[in-house]
Amino acid sequence: MNYIWFLRMARWVRNPPSPQMVKLVIGVIAVSLLIFGFEYMFGWPEWLTPNGGGRAHRLP
């Protein structure tokens, strides 16, 4: 590990984040995992799939 990471860890131990910030981070992670799990179980919805075109698809 880089010594800068040890300095960051020491700063977090001396000055930890607030409980609201911890709840916010855990909430964002939980919502992300829920979205990932839903997509993994049911697949990507067809109505969110783009039709193509744009710069990547050039017709001859």
N, C-alpha and C. Protein backbone atom coordinates (compact mmCIF):
# COMPACT_ATOMS: atom_id res chain seq x y z
N MET A 1 0.84 -1.19 0.00
CA MET A 1 0.00 0.00 0.00
C MET A 1 0.88 1.24 0.00
N ASN A 2 0.35 2.25 -0.60
CA ASN A 2 1.02 3.53 -0.63
C ASN A 2 0.89 4.21 0.74
N TYR A 3 1.91 4.94 1.14
CA TYR A 3 1.86 5.57 2.47
C TYR A 3 0.77 6.64 2.56
N ILE A 4 0.33 7.18 1.43
CA ILE A 4 -0.74 8.18 1.46
C ILE A 4 -2.04 7.56 1.96
N TRP A 5 -2.27 6.27 1.62
CA TRP A 5 -3.48 5.61 2.11
C TRP A 5 -3.44 5.47 3.62
N PHE A 6 -2.26 5.22 4.19
CA PHE A 6 -2.15 5.15 5.65
C PHE A 6 -2.43 6.51 6.28
N LEU A 7 -2.00 7.58 5.63
CA LEU A 7 -2.31 8.92 6.15
C LEU A 7 -3.81 9.19 6.08
N ARG A 8 -4.46 8.77 5.01
CA ARG A 8 -5.91 8.95 4.92
C ARG A 8 -6.63 8.16 6.00
N MET A 9 -6.19 6.91 6.22
CA MET A 9 -6.82 6.10 7.27
C MET A 9 -6.65 6.74 8.64
N ALA A 10 -5.47 7.28 8.90
CA ALA A 10 -5.24 7.93 10.19
C ALA A 10 -6.13 9.16 10.35
N ARG A 11 -6.31 9.90 9.26
CA ARG A 11 -7.18 11.08 9.33
C ARG A 11 -8.63 10.68 9.58
N TRP A 12 -9.08 9.58 8.97
CA TRP A 12 -10.45 9.11 9.19
C TRP A 12 -10.65 8.63 10.63
N VAL A 13 -9.62 8.03 11.22
CA VAL A 13 -9.73 7.56 12.60
C VAL A 13 -9.81 8.75 13.55
N ARG A 14 -9.05 9.80 13.26
CA ARG A 14 -9.07 10.97 14.13
C ARG A 14 -10.32 11.82 13.94
N ASN A 15 -10.84 11.85 12.72
CA ASN A 15 -11.98 12.70 12.39
C ASN A 15 -12.97 11.89 11.54
N PRO A 16 -13.74 10.98 12.17
CA PRO A 16 -14.63 10.10 11.39
C PRO A 16 -15.80 10.88 10.78
N PRO A 17 -16.39 10.31 9.73
CA PRO A 17 -17.54 10.97 9.12
C PRO A 17 -18.75 10.93 10.06
N SER A 18 -19.70 11.82 9.81
CA SER A 18 -20.89 11.90 10.65
C SER A 18 -21.79 10.69 10.40
N PRO A 19 -22.66 10.37 11.36
CA PRO A 19 -23.59 9.24 11.15
C PRO A 19 -24.51 9.45 9.94
N GLN A 20 -24.88 10.69 9.65
CA GLN A 20 -25.72 10.95 8.49
C GLN A 20 -24.97 10.61 7.19
N MET A 21 -23.68 10.92 7.14
CA MET A 21 -22.90 10.60 5.95
C MET A 21 -22.75 9.10 5.78
N VAL A 22 -22.57 8.39 6.87
CA VAL A 22 -22.46 6.93 6.81
C VAL A 22 -23.77 6.33 6.32
N LYS A 23 -24.91 6.84 6.83
CA LYS A 23 -26.21 6.35 6.38
C LYS A 23 -26.43 6.66 4.90
N LEU A 24 -26.02 7.82 4.45
CA LEU A 24 -26.16 8.19 3.05
C LEU A 24 -25.36 7.24 2.15
N VAL A 25 -24.12 6.98 2.52
CA VAL A 25 -23.28 6.09 1.71
C VAL A 25 -23.85 4.68 1.69
N ILE A 26 -24.29 4.19 2.83
CA ILE A 26 -24.89 2.84 2.88
C ILE A 26 -26.18 2.80 2.06
N GLY A 27 -26.97 3.86 2.11
CA GLY A 27 -28.19 3.93 1.32
C GLY A 27 -27.91 3.91 -0.18
N VAL A 28 -26.91 4.66 -0.62
CA VAL A 28 -26.56 4.68 -2.04
C VAL A 28 -26.07 3.31 -2.49
N ILE A 29 -25.27 2.66 -1.67
CA ILE A 29 -24.79 1.32 -2.00
C ILE A 29 -25.95 0.34 -2.06
N ALA A 30 -26.89 0.44 -1.12
CA ALA A 30 -28.04 -0.47 -1.10
C ALA A 30 -28.92 -0.28 -2.34
N VAL A 31 -29.18 0.96 -2.73
CA VAL A 31 -29.99 1.22 -3.92
C VAL A 31 -29.28 0.69 -5.16
N SER A 32 -27.97 0.89 -5.24
CA SER A 32 -27.21 0.37 -6.38
C SER A 32 -27.28 -1.14 -6.45
N LEU A 33 -27.17 -1.81 -5.32
CA LEU A 33 -27.26 -3.27 -5.31
C LEU A 33 -28.66 -3.75 -5.67
N LEU A 34 -29.69 -3.02 -5.24
CA LEU A 34 -31.05 -3.38 -5.63
C LEU A 34 -31.27 -3.26 -7.13
N ILE A 35 -30.78 -2.19 -7.71
CA ILE A 35 -30.91 -2.01 -9.16
C ILE A 35 -30.13 -3.09 -9.90
N PHE A 36 -28.93 -3.39 -9.44
CA PHE A 36 -28.14 -4.44 -10.07
C PHE A 36 -28.84 -5.79 -9.96
N GLY A 37 -29.37 -6.11 -8.79
CA GLY A 37 -30.06 -7.38 -8.60
C GLY A 37 -31.30 -7.50 -9.46
N PHE A 38 -32.06 -6.41 -9.57
CA PHE A 38 -33.26 -6.43 -10.42
C PHE A 38 -32.88 -6.66 -11.87
N GLU A 39 -31.84 -5.96 -12.33
CA GLU A 39 -31.42 -6.13 -13.71
C GLU A 39 -30.85 -7.53 -13.95
N TYR A 40 -30.14 -8.07 -12.97
CA TYR A 40 -29.57 -9.41 -13.11
C TYR A 40 -30.67 -10.47 -13.17
N MET A 41 -31.72 -10.31 -12.39
CA MET A 41 -32.79 -11.31 -12.36
C MET A 41 -33.73 -11.20 -13.56
N PHE A 42 -34.09 -9.99 -13.95
CA PHE A 42 -35.11 -9.81 -14.97
C PHE A 42 -34.56 -9.32 -16.31
N GLY A 43 -33.31 -8.97 -16.38
CA GLY A 43 -32.72 -8.50 -17.63
C GLY A 43 -32.95 -7.02 -17.88
N TRP A 44 -32.31 -6.55 -18.93
CA TRP A 44 -32.42 -5.14 -19.30
C TRP A 44 -33.74 -4.93 -20.03
N PRO A 45 -34.54 -3.93 -19.63
CA PRO A 45 -35.83 -3.72 -20.30
C PRO A 45 -35.64 -3.29 -21.76
N GLU A 46 -36.49 -3.81 -22.61
CA GLU A 46 -36.40 -3.52 -24.04
C GLU A 46 -36.65 -2.05 -24.32
N TRP A 47 -37.51 -1.41 -23.54
CA TRP A 47 -37.83 -0.01 -23.80
C TRP A 47 -36.68 0.93 -23.44
N LEU A 48 -35.66 0.44 -22.73
CA LEU A 48 -34.49 1.25 -22.43
C LEU A 48 -33.35 1.02 -23.42
N THR A 49 -33.51 0.10 -24.36
CA THR A 49 -32.48 -0.18 -25.34
C THR A 49 -32.57 0.83 -26.47
N PRO A 50 -31.46 1.50 -26.80
CA PRO A 50 -31.52 2.47 -27.89
C PRO A 50 -31.72 1.78 -29.23
N ASN A 51 -32.24 2.52 -30.18
CA ASN A 51 -32.51 1.97 -31.51
C ASN A 51 -31.27 1.92 -32.39
N GLY A 52 -30.21 2.50 -31.95
CA GLY A 52 -29.01 2.55 -32.77
C GLY A 52 -28.88 3.90 -33.44
N GLY A 53 -28.01 3.97 -34.42
CA GLY A 53 -27.79 5.24 -35.10
C GLY A 53 -26.69 6.01 -34.41
N GLY A 54 -26.65 7.26 -34.64
CA GLY A 54 -25.60 8.08 -34.06
C GLY A 54 -24.31 7.96 -34.84
N ARG A 55 -23.22 8.27 -34.24
CA ARG A 55 -21.93 8.27 -34.92
C ARG A 55 -21.37 6.88 -35.11
N ALA A 56 -21.73 5.93 -34.25
CA ALA A 56 -21.15 4.61 -34.33
C ALA A 56 -21.69 3.82 -35.53
N HIS A 57 -22.96 3.99 -35.87
CA HIS A 57 -23.58 3.27 -36.99
C HIS A 57 -23.73 4.21 -38.17
N ARG A 58 -22.88 4.01 -39.15
CA ARG A 58 -22.99 4.81 -40.35
C ARG A 58 -23.47 3.92 -41.48
N LEU A 59 -24.53 4.30 -42.09
CA LEU A 59 -25.06 3.53 -43.20
C LEU A 59 -24.31 3.89 -44.48
N PRO A 60 -24.02 2.89 -45.31
CA PRO A 60 -23.28 3.18 -46.57
C PRO A 60 -24.10 3.93 -47.57
